[in-house]
Amino acid sequence: MSTPEQHAELARLGSATVYEAGGRGGYVDADLFQAVPGSRAAGPARTVRCAQDDNLMVHAVMPEVQPGDVIVLTMPEPRAVALVGDLLATQAQVAGAAAILIDASIRDTQELAEMGLPIWARFVRVKGAAKDTAGELNVPVTVGGALINPGDVLVLDADGVAVVPEDRVEEVLSASLAREQKEALKRAKLQSGLNSYDLDGLRAVVEAQR
C-alpha cells in the first residue's frame, strides 16, 4: 500500500513528470475544469460508478472515504450533469479527501473554489442529478481512456491527471525523482546558453532526413 509521504512527493513532482517517468502509461485524456486553480494533489483512488445521470452513489461513498483518498466519480457515459456541488464537497472535505475527480459536471463553482478542496471535472453545468438508482463502489472505472482501479494513485494538477498502478508506486516515484534531477542538470545547461537541439542529438535526426 502506498503511503502519504509517497503521495506528497508525487504531488510535488507533478502529473507530467510522473507520466513521463512512469513510461507514458496511464493518463486521463480529457479536458478537465480545475475548480481550485493552482491546486495539486495525489492519493489512492476511491472509485464510484454511478447510474446514468444519478448521484445516489456519491452520497453512498462519503461514509467510506478515508483521509487522503482521491474520490473518482463516473457514470456509464460522461454527461454534463452535476454529480457534486458544495454540500457533497463539504462532506468530502470533512472526511479528509485529498481531491475529487469527476467524469461529469460540478456546480457551485464559486463556493467550491472558496472551499479549497482540489476538484477536477469534465463539465460545469447547473443541471442536477437524480438520486434513484444504485451503482457500484470500489470497482475499476475508466476516465478519459484511463483505467483506474481502486487504490491506484492519481496525481492531479494544472496539467491533468496521471494514473500510477498501486503496485508501481515505489518504482514510478523513484523514476520521477531521477527524472527531476536529470532535468535540473539539463536546465542549468540550457541557462548557460546550450540548446536542446544539440544536447538531445536532434540535429543529427534532422540532418539524416535531408
Protein backbone atom coordinates (compact mmCIF):
# COMPACT_ATOMS: atom_id res chain seq x y z
CA MET A 1 0.00 0.00 0.00
CA SER A 2 1.29 3.44 -0.89
CA THR A 3 1.98 5.98 1.85
CA PRO A 4 1.03 9.61 2.48
CA GLU A 5 4.71 10.54 2.16
CA GLN A 6 4.81 9.00 -1.31
CA HIS A 7 1.63 10.80 -2.26
CA ALA A 8 3.06 14.14 -1.14
CA GLU A 9 6.20 13.62 -3.23
CA LEU A 10 4.22 12.58 -6.29
CA ALA A 11 2.00 15.65 -5.95
CA ARG A 12 5.08 17.86 -5.70
CA LEU A 13 6.67 16.26 -8.75
CA GLY A 14 3.50 16.77 -10.79
CA SER A 15 1.47 14.82 -13.30
CA ALA A 16 3.70 15.44 -16.33
CA THR A 17 6.88 14.24 -14.62
CA VAL A 18 5.12 11.21 -13.17
CA TYR A 19 3.54 10.34 -16.52
CA GLU A 20 6.87 10.54 -18.33
CA ALA A 21 8.84 8.71 -15.66
CA GLY A 22 6.19 6.01 -15.47
CA GLY A 23 6.67 5.11 -19.11
CA ARG A 24 3.93 7.29 -20.63
CA GLY A 25 1.28 4.87 -19.46
CA GLY A 26 -1.88 5.93 -17.73
CA TYR A 27 -3.22 9.44 -18.01
CA VAL A 28 -6.68 10.95 -18.27
CA ASP A 29 -7.12 12.04 -21.89
CA ALA A 30 -9.86 14.63 -21.35
CA ASP A 31 -10.27 18.37 -20.94
CA LEU A 32 -10.86 18.99 -17.25
CA PHE A 33 -12.03 22.04 -15.33
CA GLN A 34 -9.88 22.72 -12.27
CA ALA A 35 -12.15 24.13 -9.60
CA VAL A 36 -9.25 25.43 -7.48
CA PRO A 37 -6.65 26.99 -9.80
CA GLY A 38 -3.10 26.10 -8.86
CA SER A 39 -4.11 23.15 -6.72
CA ARG A 40 -2.33 19.82 -6.87
CA ALA A 41 -2.94 16.52 -5.14
CA ALA A 42 -2.12 12.84 -5.16
CA GLY A 43 -3.66 9.87 -3.42
CA PRO A 44 -5.25 6.46 -3.79
CA ALA A 45 -8.39 6.23 -5.88
CA ARG A 46 -11.73 5.66 -4.13
CA THR A 47 -13.83 4.74 -7.16
CA VAL A 48 -17.55 5.20 -7.77
CA ARG A 49 -19.65 4.10 -10.73
CA CYS A 50 -22.95 5.97 -10.60
CA ALA A 51 -26.05 5.11 -12.57
CA GLN A 52 -26.50 7.36 -15.57
CA ASP A 53 -27.27 10.97 -14.57
CA ASP A 54 -27.67 9.89 -10.93
CA ASN A 55 -25.53 10.75 -7.89
CA LEU A 56 -27.01 8.39 -5.29
CA MET A 57 -23.67 6.59 -5.06
CA VAL A 58 -21.80 9.84 -4.45
CA HIS A 59 -23.78 10.11 -1.23
CA ALA A 60 -23.17 6.40 -0.56
CA VAL A 61 -19.37 6.67 -0.84
CA MET A 62 -18.98 9.51 1.65
CA PRO A 63 -19.09 7.32 4.79
CA GLU A 64 -16.30 5.18 3.25
CA VAL A 65 -13.90 7.99 2.37
CA GLN A 66 -10.59 7.82 4.20
CA PRO A 67 -8.16 10.70 4.71
CA GLY A 68 -6.01 11.15 1.64
CA ASP A 69 -8.39 9.44 -0.79
CA VAL A 70 -8.97 10.79 -4.28
CA ILE A 71 -12.67 10.21 -4.95
CA VAL A 72 -13.27 9.22 -8.58
CA LEU A 73 -16.86 9.68 -9.79
CA THR A 74 -18.03 8.16 -13.07
CA MET A 75 -21.19 7.26 -14.97
CA PRO A 76 -21.66 4.84 -17.88
CA GLU A 77 -21.48 7.83 -20.22
CA PRO A 78 -19.91 11.19 -19.31
CA ARG A 79 -22.62 13.86 -19.43
CA ALA A 80 -22.99 17.44 -18.29
CA VAL A 81 -24.98 16.52 -15.19
CA ALA A 82 -23.75 17.81 -11.84
CA LEU A 83 -22.73 14.97 -9.55
CA VAL A 84 -21.17 17.32 -6.97
CA GLY A 85 -21.97 20.73 -5.54
CA ASP A 86 -20.82 22.47 -2.39
CA LEU A 87 -22.75 20.22 0.04
CA LEU A 88 -21.23 16.96 -1.19
CA ALA A 89 -17.85 18.63 -1.46
CA THR A 90 -18.19 19.71 2.17
CA GLN A 91 -18.69 16.07 3.19
CA ALA A 92 -15.63 15.00 1.20
CA GLN A 93 -13.54 17.73 2.74
CA VAL A 94 -14.61 16.86 6.29
CA ALA A 95 -13.77 13.20 5.59
CA GLY A 96 -10.25 14.25 4.62
CA ALA A 97 -10.37 13.55 0.89
CA ALA A 98 -7.28 14.75 -0.97
CA ALA A 99 -9.24 15.56 -4.13
CA ILE A 100 -12.21 14.63 -6.32
CA LEU A 101 -12.05 13.65 -9.99
CA ILE A 102 -15.46 13.82 -11.68
CA ASP A 103 -16.19 12.44 -15.15
CA ALA A 104 -19.34 14.56 -15.23
CA SER A 105 -20.29 18.05 -14.10
CA ILE A 106 -19.91 20.15 -10.99
CA ARG A 107 -21.83 23.24 -9.93
CA ASP A 108 -21.48 25.87 -7.18
CA THR A 109 -18.07 26.59 -8.64
CA GLN A 110 -17.51 29.84 -6.74
CA GLU A 111 -18.24 28.11 -3.43
CA LEU A 112 -16.02 25.17 -4.39
CA ALA A 113 -13.14 27.49 -5.21
CA GLU A 114 -13.53 29.20 -1.83
CA MET A 115 -13.60 25.84 -0.02
CA GLY A 116 -10.21 24.93 -1.48
CA LEU A 117 -10.77 21.19 -1.90
CA PRO A 118 -8.99 20.25 -5.14
CA ILE A 119 -11.60 19.16 -7.69
CA TRP A 120 -11.28 18.31 -11.37
CA ALA A 121 -14.40 17.85 -13.51
CA ARG A 122 -15.19 17.30 -17.17
CA PHE A 123 -18.03 19.84 -17.22
CA VAL A 124 -19.56 22.76 -15.33
CA ARG A 125 -23.37 22.84 -15.53
CA VAL A 126 -26.28 23.68 -13.25
CA LYS A 127 -28.29 20.60 -14.27
CA GLY A 128 -28.77 18.37 -11.23
CA ALA A 129 -28.64 14.59 -10.93
CA ALA A 130 -31.30 12.16 -9.77
CA LYS A 131 -30.90 10.10 -6.59
CA ASP A 132 -32.83 6.99 -7.55
CA THR A 133 -30.60 4.19 -8.81
CA ALA A 134 -27.83 2.28 -7.09
CA GLY A 135 -24.47 1.91 -8.79
CA GLU A 136 -21.18 0.43 -7.58
CA LEU A 137 -18.39 1.40 -5.21
CA ASN A 138 -14.73 0.38 -5.28
CA VAL A 139 -14.75 -1.10 -8.78
CA PRO A 140 -12.48 -0.48 -11.78
CA VAL A 141 -13.59 2.58 -13.76
CA THR A 142 -12.40 4.36 -16.89
CA VAL A 143 -11.93 8.13 -17.17
CA GLY A 144 -10.68 9.69 -20.37
CA GLY A 145 -9.47 6.33 -21.62
CA ALA A 146 -7.50 5.61 -18.45
CA LEU A 147 -8.31 2.52 -16.42
CA ILE A 148 -8.41 3.39 -12.72
CA ASN A 149 -8.52 0.58 -10.18
CA PRO A 150 -9.34 1.18 -6.52
CA GLY A 151 -6.07 2.02 -4.77
CA ASP A 152 -4.25 3.22 -7.89
CA VAL A 153 -2.57 6.53 -7.15
CA LEU A 154 -3.73 9.59 -9.08
CA VAL A 155 -1.53 12.65 -9.49
CA LEU A 156 -3.57 15.75 -10.32
CA ASP A 157 -2.53 19.31 -11.14
CA ALA A 158 -2.99 22.03 -13.73
CA ASP A 159 -1.58 19.78 -16.47
CA GLY A 160 -4.05 16.96 -15.91
CA VAL A 161 -4.15 13.57 -14.22
CA ALA A 162 -1.55 10.78 -14.26
CA VAL A 163 -2.51 7.28 -13.11
CA VAL A 164 0.02 5.12 -11.26
CA PRO A 165 -0.94 1.48 -10.68
CA GLU A 166 -0.86 0.61 -6.99
CA ASP A 167 1.89 -1.97 -7.45
CA ARG A 168 4.16 0.51 -9.30
CA VAL A 169 4.08 3.48 -6.93
CA GLU A 170 7.55 2.97 -5.43
CA GLU A 171 9.09 2.30 -8.85
CA VAL A 172 7.45 5.30 -10.51
CA LEU A 173 8.30 7.61 -7.61
CA SER A 174 11.96 6.59 -7.83
CA ALA A 175 11.98 7.14 -11.59
CA SER A 176 10.25 10.51 -11.17
CA LEU A 177 12.85 11.70 -8.67
CA ALA A 178 15.62 10.62 -11.05
CA ARG A 179 13.92 12.47 -13.89
CA GLU A 180 13.62 15.60 -11.75
CA GLN A 181 17.35 15.51 -11.03
CA LYS A 182 18.22 14.93 -14.68
CA GLU A 183 16.03 17.84 -15.76
CA ALA A 184 17.65 20.12 -13.17
CA LEU A 185 21.07 19.39 -14.67
CA LYS A 186 19.77 19.95 -18.19
CA ARG A 187 18.06 23.20 -17.16
CA ALA A 188 21.40 24.52 -15.91
CA LYS A 189 22.98 23.74 -19.28
CA LEU A 190 20.14 25.49 -21.11
CA GLN A 191 20.52 28.51 -18.87
CA SER A 192 24.21 28.62 -19.79
CA GLY A 193 23.27 29.06 -23.46
CA LEU A 194 23.29 25.49 -24.77
CA ASN A 195 20.23 24.22 -26.64
CA SER A 196 18.22 21.01 -26.69
CA TYR A 197 18.65 20.69 -30.45
CA ASP A 198 22.27 19.66 -29.85
CA LEU A 199 22.11 18.32 -26.28
CA ASP A 200 19.46 15.78 -27.24
CA GLY A 201 21.04 14.83 -30.54
CA LEU A 202 18.10 16.21 -32.52
CA ARG A 203 20.27 17.97 -35.09
CA ALA A 204 21.50 14.57 -36.28
CA VAL A 205 17.91 13.38 -36.63
CA VAL A 206 17.03 16.30 -38.88
CA GLU A 207 20.19 16.12 -40.94
CA ALA A 208 19.75 12.39 -41.51
CA GLN A 209 16.42 13.13 -43.20
CA ARG A 210 17.73 15.74 -45.59
